[in-house]
Each structure stands twice: as structure tokens, then as C-alpha cells.
């Protein structure tokens, strides 16, 4: 199903803003504060909820790495001084 909704724009500081109607928020599963993406192709703009970025490195790995660095800190410092 396709339909069009009109909204006006207004200036806010150095930006131009508009609002999203509740039915669009619901359809895109958006809540206030979510990030959105504007995809532009051939003068058509698609609005969609931005994918949440996953952590590049898990917190468990970072904790383990920190423990190893702490344990071998003196050895690493000795290598730097060579």
C-alpha cells in the first residue's frame, strides 16, 4: 500500500526541520531519539530506521585484553625500553 502525507518545514537554528506523524513513527517502529537514514536515489527519498551498530569488539574480549595487559605490563614496558 502506498500513500503520501504532506508536512511543512520550518527553520530551527541553522537547520530546516519537519515532524513525523504518529502513524509513520509506528510503521517504522521509531521512538523519539532513534536515528533515521535518508536514502536518496533518482530524486526519490526513502526514510528508514537506521540499523543499530553492533559493537565491533565484545565487552568480554576487552575485559580479557585489559587483564592480560595489566598482568604483563612490566614485560611490555621492558620491550619498549630495548
PDB file of N, CA and C in Angstrom:
ATOM      1  N   UNK A   1       0.840  -1.169   0.000  1.00  0.00           N
ATOM      2  CA  UNK A   1       0.000   0.000   0.000  1.00  0.00           C
ATOM      3  C   UNK A   1       0.892   1.241   0.000  1.00  0.00           C
ATOM      4  N   UNK A   2       0.524   2.213  -0.788  1.00  0.00           N
ATOM      5  CA  UNK A   2       1.312   3.440  -0.867  1.00  0.00           C
ATOM      6  C   UNK A   2       0.390   4.628  -0.683  1.00  0.00           C
ATOM      7  N   UNK A   3       0.820   5.572   0.130  1.00  0.00           N
ATOM      8  CA  UNK A   3       0.082   6.814   0.287  1.00  0.00           C
ATOM      9  C   UNK A   3       1.065   7.925   0.611  1.00  0.00           C
ATOM     10  N   UNK A   4       0.639   9.146   0.426  1.00  0.00           N
ATOM     11  CA  UNK A   4       1.512  10.298   0.641  1.00  0.00           C
ATOM     12  C   UNK A   4       0.944  11.164   1.748  1.00  0.00           C
ATOM     13  N   UNK A   5       1.820  11.652   2.571  1.00  0.00           N
ATOM     14  CA  UNK A   5       1.462  12.595   3.624  1.00  0.00           C
ATOM     15  C   UNK A   5       2.260  13.863   3.404  1.00  0.00           C
ATOM     16  N   UNK A   6       1.649  14.991   3.629  1.00  0.00           N
ATOM     17  CA  UNK A   6       2.354  16.254   3.472  1.00  0.00           C
ATOM     18  C   UNK A   6       2.679  16.828   4.841  1.00  0.00           C
ATOM     19  N   UNK A   7       3.836  17.405   4.946  1.00  0.00           N
ATOM     20  CA  UNK A   7       4.270  18.100   6.144  1.00  0.00           C
ATOM     21  C   UNK A   7       5.014  19.350   5.704  1.00  0.00           C
ATOM     22  N   UNK A   8       4.924  20.390   6.482  1.00  0.00           N
ATOM     23  CA  UNK A   8       5.682  21.607   6.167  1.00  0.00           C
ATOM     24  C   UNK A   8       7.041  21.548   6.856  1.00  0.00           C
ATOM     25  N   UNK A   9       7.925  22.390   6.421  1.00  0.00           N
ATOM     26  CA  UNK A   9       9.242  22.503   7.035  1.00  0.00           C
ATOM     27  C   UNK A   9       9.327  23.859   7.729  1.00  0.00           C
ATOM     28  N   UNK A  10      10.253  23.954   8.665  1.00  0.00           N
ATOM     29  CA  UNK A  10      10.480  25.230   9.331  1.00  0.00           C
ATOM     30  C   UNK A  10      11.937  25.321   9.749  1.00  0.00           C
ATOM     31  N   UNK A  11      12.394  26.533   9.903  1.00  0.00           N
ATOM     32  CA  UNK A  11      13.784  26.772  10.272  1.00  0.00           C
ATOM     33  C   UNK A  11      13.929  26.645  11.779  1.00  0.00           C
ATOM     34  N   UNK A  12      15.007  26.004  12.196  1.00  0.00           N
ATOM     35  CA  UNK A  12      15.344  25.878  13.610  1.00  0.00           C
ATOM     36  C   UNK A  12      16.854  26.020  13.713  1.00  0.00           C
ATOM     37  N   UNK A  13      17.316  27.182  14.117  1.00  0.00           N
ATOM     38  CA  UNK A  13      18.756  27.429  14.137  1.00  0.00           C
ATOM     39  C   UNK A  13      19.276  27.460  12.720  1.00  0.00           C
ATOM     40  N   UNK A  14      20.300  26.639  12.443  1.00  0.00           N
ATOM     41  CA  UNK A  14      20.874  26.563  11.100  1.00  0.00           C
ATOM     42  C   UNK A  14      20.305  25.390  10.301  1.00  0.00           C
ATOM     43  N   UNK A  15      19.296  24.724  10.860  1.00  0.00           N
ATOM     44  CA  UNK A  15      18.698  23.564  10.197  1.00  0.00           C
ATOM     45  C   UNK A  15      17.279  23.866   9.754  1.00  0.00           C
ATOM     46  N   UNK A  16      16.797  23.015   8.863  1.00  0.00           N
ATOM     47  CA  UNK A  16      15.391  23.032   8.472  1.00  0.00           C
ATOM     48  C   UNK A  16      14.823  21.703   8.951  1.00  0.00           C
ATOM     49  N   UNK A  17      13.702  21.759   9.687  1.00  0.00           N
ATOM     50  CA  UNK A  17      13.155  20.544  10.294  1.00  0.00           C
ATOM     51  C   UNK A  17      11.711  20.329   9.870  1.00  0.00           C
ATOM     52  N   UNK A  18      11.237  19.113  10.084  1.00  0.00           N
ATOM     53  CA  UNK A  18       9.841  18.756   9.888  1.00  0.00           C
ATOM     54  C   UNK A  18       9.471  17.752  10.962  1.00  0.00           C
ATOM     55  N   UNK A  19       8.231  17.365  11.028  1.00  0.00           N
ATOM     56  CA  UNK A  19       7.781  16.392  12.019  1.00  0.00           C
ATOM     57  C   UNK A  19       7.380  15.096  11.335  1.00  0.00           C
ATOM     58  N   UNK A  20       7.346  14.030  12.111  1.00  0.00           N
ATOM     59  CA  UNK A  20       6.869  12.738  11.615  1.00  0.00           C
ATOM     60  C   UNK A  20       5.547  12.429  12.308  1.00  0.00           C
ATOM     61  N   UNK A  21       4.520  12.108  11.539  1.00  0.00           N
ATOM     62  CA  UNK A  21       3.232  11.787  12.155  1.00  0.00           C
ATOM     63  C   UNK A  21       3.307  10.464  12.930  1.00  0.00           C
ATOM     64  N   UNK A  22       2.448  10.316  13.929  1.00  0.00           N
ATOM     65  CA  UNK A  22       2.464   9.101  14.755  1.00  0.00           C
ATOM     66  C   UNK A  22       2.342   7.800  13.963  1.00  0.00           C
ATOM     67  N   UNK A  23       1.540   7.791  12.892  1.00  0.00           N
ATOM     68  CA  UNK A  23       1.389   6.534  12.139  1.00  0.00           C
ATOM     69  C   UNK A  23       2.683   6.155  11.423  1.00  0.00           C
ATOM     70  N   UNK A  24       3.469   7.134  11.001  1.00  0.00           N
ATOM     71  CA  UNK A  24       4.769   6.846  10.378  1.00  0.00           C
ATOM     72  C   UNK A  24       5.741   6.343  11.448  1.00  0.00           C
ATOM     73  N   UNK A  25       5.733   6.991  12.606  1.00  0.00           N
ATOM     74  CA  UNK A  25       6.591   6.547  13.718  1.00  0.00           C
ATOM     75  C   UNK A  25       6.291   5.087  14.062  1.00  0.00           C
ATOM     76  N   UNK A  26       5.007   4.771  14.128  1.00  0.00           N
ATOM     77  CA  UNK A  26       4.597   3.415  14.456  1.00  0.00           C
ATOM     78  C   UNK A  26       5.012   2.424  13.367  1.00  0.00           C
ATOM     79  N   UNK A  27       4.761   2.785  12.121  1.00  0.00           N
ATOM     80  CA  UNK A  27       5.081   1.892  10.992  1.00  0.00           C
ATOM     81  C   UNK A  27       6.577   1.581  10.934  1.00  0.00           C
ATOM     82  N   UNK A  28       7.420   2.585  11.224  1.00  0.00           N
ATOM     83  CA  UNK A  28       8.875   2.398  11.190  1.00  0.00           C
ATOM     84  C   UNK A  28       9.431   1.926  12.535  1.00  0.00           C
ATOM     85  N   UNK A  29       8.537   1.719  13.503  1.00  0.00           N
ATOM     86  CA  UNK A  29       8.933   1.317  14.855  1.00  0.00           C
ATOM     87  C   UNK A  29       9.952   2.290  15.439  1.00  0.00           C
ATOM     88  N   UNK A  30       9.679   3.576  15.283  1.00  0.00           N
ATOM     89  CA  UNK A  30      10.545   4.635  15.796  1.00  0.00           C
ATOM     90  C   UNK A  30      10.020   5.177  17.106  1.00  0.00           C
ATOM     91  N   UNK A  31      10.943   5.566  17.958  1.00  0.00           N
ATOM     92  CA  UNK A  31      10.610   6.333  19.145  1.00  0.00           C
ATOM     93  C   UNK A  31      11.499   7.561  19.144  1.00  0.00           C
ATOM     94  N   UNK A  32      11.092   8.553  19.883  1.00  0.00           N
ATOM     95  CA  UNK A  32      11.869   9.781  19.952  1.00  0.00           C
ATOM     96  C   UNK A  32      13.308   9.462  20.359  1.00  0.00           C
ATOM     97  N   UNK A  33      14.262  10.008  19.627  1.00  0.00           N
ATOM     98  CA  UNK A  33      15.680   9.759  19.904  1.00  0.00           C
ATOM     99  C   UNK A  33      16.319   8.733  18.988  1.00  0.00           C
ATOM    100  N   UNK A  34      15.508   7.947  18.264  1.00  0.00           N
ATOM    101  CA  UNK A  34      16.070   6.972  17.325  1.00  0.00           C
ATOM    102  C   UNK A  34      16.746   7.692  16.162  1.00  0.00           C
ATOM    103  N   UNK A  35      17.719   7.043  15.570  1.00  0.00           N
ATOM    104  CA  UNK A  35      18.360   7.560  14.371  1.00  0.00           C
ATOM    105  C   UNK A  35      17.619   7.056  13.139  1.00  0.00           C
ATOM    106  N   UNK A  36      17.538   7.914  12.125  1.00  0.00           N
ATOM    107  CA  UNK A  36      16.921   7.539  10.859  1.00  0.00           C
ATOM    108  C   UNK A  36      17.930   7.759   9.738  1.00  0.00           C
ATOM    109  N   UNK A  37      17.681   7.113   8.620  1.00  0.00           N
ATOM    110  CA  UNK A  37      18.509   7.276   7.423  1.00  0.00           C
ATOM    111  C   UNK A  37      17.647   7.819   6.300  1.00  0.00           C
ATOM    112  N   UNK A  38      18.215   8.711   5.518  1.00  0.00           N
ATOM    113  CA  UNK A  38      17.588   9.197   4.303  1.00  0.00           C
ATOM    114  C   UNK A  38      18.358   8.584   3.146  1.00  0.00           C
ATOM    115  N   UNK A  39      17.695   7.785   2.345  1.00  0.00           N
ATOM    116  CA  UNK A  39      18.318   7.157   1.186  1.00  0.00           C
ATOM    117  C   UNK A  39      17.761   7.866  -0.047  1.00  0.00           C
ATOM    118  N   UNK A  40      18.640   8.463  -0.837  1.00  0.00           N
ATOM    119  CA  UNK A  40      18.216   9.254  -1.992  1.00  0.00           C
ATOM    120  C   UNK A  40      18.663   8.552  -3.264  1.00  0.00           C
ATOM    121  N   UNK A  41      17.700   8.302  -4.153  1.00  0.00           N
ATOM    122  CA  UNK A  41      18.002   7.661  -5.433  1.00  0.00           C
ATOM    123  C   UNK A  41      17.047   8.222  -6.482  1.00  0.00           C
ATOM    124  N   UNK A  42      17.598   8.781  -7.524  1.00  0.00           N
ATOM    125  CA  UNK A  42      16.794   9.319  -8.633  1.00  0.00           C
ATOM    126  C   UNK A  42      15.710  10.281  -8.137  1.00  0.00           C
ATOM    127  N   UNK A  43      16.091  11.223  -7.307  1.00  0.00           N
ATOM    128  CA  UNK A  43      15.172  12.240  -6.771  1.00  0.00           C
ATOM    129  C   UNK A  43      14.034  11.675  -5.928  1.00  0.00           C
ATOM    130  N   UNK A  44      14.196  10.481  -5.424  1.00  0.00           N
ATOM    131  CA  UNK A  44      13.235   9.884  -4.502  1.00  0.00           C
ATOM    132  C   UNK A  44      13.954   9.690  -3.170  1.00  0.00           C
ATOM    133  N   UNK A  45      13.308  10.116  -2.099  1.00  0.00           N
ATOM    134  CA  UNK A  45      13.907   9.988  -0.771  1.00  0.00           C
ATOM    135  C   UNK A  45      13.165   8.915   0.008  1.00  0.00           C
ATOM    136  N   UNK A  46      13.925   7.967   0.540  1.00  0.00           N
ATOM    137  CA  UNK A  46      13.362   6.913   1.380  1.00  0.00           C
ATOM    138  C   UNK A  46      13.820   7.184   2.802  1.00  0.00           C
ATOM    139  N   UNK A  47      12.895   7.167   3.735  1.00  0.00           N
ATOM    140  CA  UNK A  47      13.202   7.346   5.147  1.00  0.00           C
ATOM    141  C   UNK A  47      13.073   5.997   5.823  1.00  0.00           C
ATOM    142  N   UNK A  48      14.090   5.626   6.585  1.00  0.00           N
ATOM    143  CA  UNK A  48      14.009   4.357   7.300  1.00  0.00           C
ATOM    144  C   UNK A  48      14.748   4.446   8.622  1.00  0.00           C
ATOM    145  N   UNK A  49      14.400   3.556   9.508  1.00  0.00           N
ATOM    146  CA  UNK A  49      15.073   3.488  10.800  1.00  0.00           C
ATOM    147  C   UNK A  49      16.497   3.023  10.565  1.00  0.00           C
ATOM    148  N   UNK A  50      17.448   3.729  11.154  1.00  0.00           N
ATOM    149  CA  UNK A  50      18.847   3.357  10.984  1.00  0.00           C
ATOM    150  C   UNK A  50      19.131   2.075  11.757  1.00  0.00           C
ATOM    151  N   UNK A  51      19.923   1.216  11.151  1.00  0.00           N
ATOM    152  CA  UNK A  51      20.315  -0.022  11.818  1.00  0.00           C
ATOM    153  C   UNK A  51      21.186   0.323  13.017  1.00  0.00           C
ATOM    154  N   UNK A  52      20.962  -0.393  14.099  1.00  0.00           N
ATOM    155  CA  UNK A  52      21.783  -0.175  15.283  1.00  0.00           C
ATOM    156  C   UNK A  52      23.146  -0.791  15.042  1.00  0.00           C
ATOM    157  N   UNK A  53      24.164  -0.013  15.379  1.00  0.00           N
ATOM    158  CA  UNK A  53      25.523  -0.519  15.214  1.00  0.00           C
ATOM    159  C   UNK A  53      25.829  -1.505  16.328  1.00  0.00           C
ATOM    160  N   UNK A  54      26.378  -2.612  15.923  1.00  0.00           N
ATOM    161  CA  UNK A  54      26.792  -3.600  16.909  1.00  0.00           C
ATOM    162  C   UNK A  54      28.222  -3.285  17.309  1.00  0.00           C
ATOM    163  N   UNK A  55      28.569  -3.665  18.513  1.00  0.00           N
ATOM    164  CA  UNK A  55      29.926  -3.436  18.979  1.00  0.00           C
ATOM    165  C   UNK A  55      30.898  -4.210  18.102  1.00  0.00           C
ATOM    166  N   UNK A  56      31.964  -3.532  17.687  1.00  0.00           N
ATOM    167  CA  UNK A  56      32.970  -4.186  16.857  1.00  0.00           C
ATOM    168  C   UNK A  56      33.712  -5.249  17.667  1.00  0.00           C
ATOM    169  N   UNK A  57      33.866  -5.005  18.955  1.00  0.00           N
ATOM    170  CA  UNK A  57      34.581  -5.928  19.834  1.00  0.00           C
ATOM    171  C   UNK A  57      33.701  -6.147  21.060  1.00  0.00           C
ATOM    172  N   UNK A  58      33.574  -7.382  21.477  1.00  0.00           N
ATOM    173  CA  UNK A  58      32.718  -7.674  22.630  1.00  0.00           C
ATOM    174  C   UNK A  58      33.349  -7.154  23.921  1.00  0.00           C
ATOM    175  N   UNK A  59      32.508  -6.860  24.874  1.00  0.00           N
ATOM    176  CA  UNK A  59      32.978  -6.383  26.180  1.00  0.00           C
ATOM    177  C   UNK A  59      33.800  -7.454  26.885  1.00  0.00           C
ATOM    178  N   UNK A  60      33.458  -8.742  26.693  1.00  0.00           N
ATOM    179  CA  UNK A  60      34.235  -9.828  27.298  1.00  0.00           C
ATOM    180  C   UNK A  60      35.659  -9.841  26.775  1.00  0.00           C
ATOM    181  N   UNK A  61      35.820  -9.635  25.466  1.00  0.00           N
ATOM    182  CA  UNK A  61      37.158  -9.608  24.882  1.00  0.00           C
ATOM    183  C   UNK A  61      37.958  -8.430  25.425  1.00  0.00           C
ATOM    184  N   UNK A  62      37.330  -7.252  25.502  1.00  0.00           N
ATOM    185  CA  UNK A  62      38.031  -6.077  26.017  1.00  0.00           C
ATOM    186  C   UNK A  62      38.471  -6.273  27.456  1.00  0.00           C
ATOM    187  N   UNK A  63      37.629  -6.907  28.264  1.00  0.00           N
ATOM    188  CA  UNK A  63      37.985  -7.175  29.659  1.00  0.00           C
ATOM    189  C   UNK A  63      39.175  -8.124  29.728  1.00  0.00           C
ATOM    190  N   UNK A  64      39.150  -9.178  28.909  1.00  0.00           N
ATOM    191  CA  UNK A  64      40.251 -10.137  28.895  1.00  0.00           C
ATOM    192  C   UNK A  64      41.545  -9.453  28.444  1.00  0.00           C
ATOM    193  N   UNK A  65      41.470  -8.622  27.411  1.00  0.00           N
ATOM    194  CA  UNK A  65      42.651  -7.935  26.915  1.00  0.00           C
ATOM    195  C   UNK A  65      43.222  -7.005  27.985  1.00  0.00           C
ATOM    196  N   UNK A  66      42.362  -6.316  28.697  1.00  0.00           N
ATOM    197  CA  UNK A  66      42.826  -5.421  29.761  1.00  0.00           C
ATOM    198  C   UNK A  66      43.526  -6.205  30.868  1.00  0.00           C
ATOM    199  N   UNK A  67      42.989  -7.365  31.211  1.00  0.00           N
ATOM    200  CA  UNK A  67      43.604  -8.206  32.235  1.00  0.00           C
ATOM    201  C   UNK A  67      44.989  -8.678  31.792  1.00  0.00           C
ATOM    202  N   UNK A  68      45.113  -9.079  30.530  1.00  0.00           N
ATOM    203  CA  UNK A  68      46.404  -9.525  30.004  1.00  0.00           C
ATOM    204  C   UNK A  68      47.396  -8.369  29.999  1.00  0.00           C
ATOM    205  N   UNK A  69      46.951  -7.195  29.550  1.00  0.00           N
ATOM    206  CA  UNK A  69      47.843  -6.031  29.535  1.00  0.00           C
ATOM    207  C   UNK A  69      48.298  -5.669  30.938  1.00  0.00           C
ATOM    208  N   UNK A  70      47.392  -5.736  31.902  1.00  0.00           N
ATOM    209  CA  UNK A  70      47.767  -5.442  33.287  1.00  0.00           C
ATOM    210  C   UNK A  70      48.778  -6.464  33.809  1.00  0.00           C
ATOM    211  N   UNK A  71      48.532  -7.731  33.499  1.00  0.00           N
ATOM    212  CA  UNK A  71      49.399  -8.801  34.000  1.00  0.00           C
ATOM    213  C   UNK A  71      50.817  -8.706  33.431  1.00  0.00           C
ATOM    214  N   UNK A  72      50.944  -8.332  32.166  1.00  0.00           N
ATOM    215  CA  UNK A  72      52.252  -8.305  31.517  1.00  0.00           C
ATOM    216  C   UNK A  72      52.763  -6.884  31.289  1.00  0.00           C
ATOM    217  N   UNK A  73      52.251  -5.922  32.042  1.00  0.00           N
ATOM    218  CA  UNK A  73      52.625  -4.522  31.867  1.00  0.00           C
ATOM    219  C   UNK A  73      54.131  -4.317  31.947  1.00  0.00           C
ATOM    220  N   UNK A  74      54.768  -4.875  32.957  1.00  0.00           N
ATOM    221  CA  UNK A  74      56.221  -4.688  33.127  1.00  0.00           C
ATOM    222  C   UNK A  74      56.999  -5.288  31.952  1.00  0.00           C
ATOM    223  N   UNK A  75      56.573  -6.445  31.477  1.00  0.00           N
ATOM    224  CA  UNK A  75      57.258  -7.076  30.349  1.00  0.00           C
ATOM    225  C   UNK A  75      57.119  -6.210  29.098  1.00  0.00           C
ATOM    226  N   UNK A  76      55.942  -5.661  28.868  1.00  0.00           N
ATOM    227  CA  UNK A  76      55.736  -4.788  27.696  1.00  0.00           C
ATOM    228  C   UNK A  76      56.573  -3.532  27.816  1.00  0.00           C
ATOM    229  N   UNK A  77      56.644  -2.960  29.026  1.00  0.00           N
ATOM    230  CA  UNK A  77      57.456  -1.750  29.218  1.00  0.00           C
ATOM    231  C   UNK A  77      58.940  -2.053  28.976  1.00  0.00           C
ATOM    232  N   UNK A  78      59.373  -3.242  29.361  1.00  0.00           N
ATOM    233  CA  UNK A  78      60.761  -3.645  29.139  1.00  0.00           C
ATOM    234  C   UNK A  78      61.067  -3.746  27.654  1.00  0.00           C
ATOM    235  N   UNK A  79      60.131  -4.213  26.859  1.00  0.00           N
ATOM    236  CA  UNK A  79      60.338  -4.315  25.425  1.00  0.00           C
ATOM    237  C   UNK A  79      60.461  -2.921  24.797  1.00  0.00           C
ATOM    238  N   UNK A  80      59.719  -1.962  25.291  1.00  0.00           N
ATOM    239  CA  UNK A  80      59.780  -0.598  24.763  1.00  0.00           C
ATOM    240  C   UNK A  80      61.148   0.014  25.036  1.00  0.00           C
ATOM    241  N   UNK A  81      61.709  -0.275  26.203  1.00  0.00           N
ATOM    242  CA  UNK A  81      62.993   0.308  26.593  1.00  0.00           C
ATOM    243  C   UNK A  81      64.185  -0.310  25.883  1.00  0.00           C
ATOM    244  N   UNK A  82      64.042  -1.363  25.165  1.00  0.00           N
ATOM    245  CA  UNK A  82      65.173  -2.020  24.478  1.00  0.00           C
ATOM    246  C   UNK A  82      65.710  -1.188  23.353  1.00  0.00           C
TER     247      UNK A  82
END
